[in-house]
Amino acid sequence: MDKTSVVEAGERVSFSKIRTAIPLPNLIAVQKASYEQFLQMDLLPEERKNVGLQAVFTSVFPLSDFRSSCELHFVHYELGVWECKCGKLSGLQHLRINCEHCGSRIKAAEPH
């Protein structure tokens, strides 16, 4: 690559002097996939596999006091505010439904 060439957005540029034996994977994509598998946010609670955060909660619960007079059970978890673009539909129960007003599917709101 000469010094005057233009680099496209997202294209990787290597400044190393040693050639690589194997191409490097996209490490950001690997991290994002791992995070999505850990949270399983695109699945309804009853569709989640027992991996990641779901596995953590199911392995810890139920919690009980030392006299076993009170127990706390894990039901499901939700992260974020779930609503469509126009705000008419909200809640995880509408995850697979297109909104009649804006036509979008529910997605997690951006963090504040």
Foldseek 3Di string as FASTA:
>chain_A
DDPPDDDDPPDDDDPDPDDDPDDDDPVVVVVVVVVCLQVVQLDDFVPRDCDHPNVVQVVVDFDADPVRPDTDGDDGDDDAWKAWPVRPDTDPVQQPPQDPPPRHGIDGDDDD
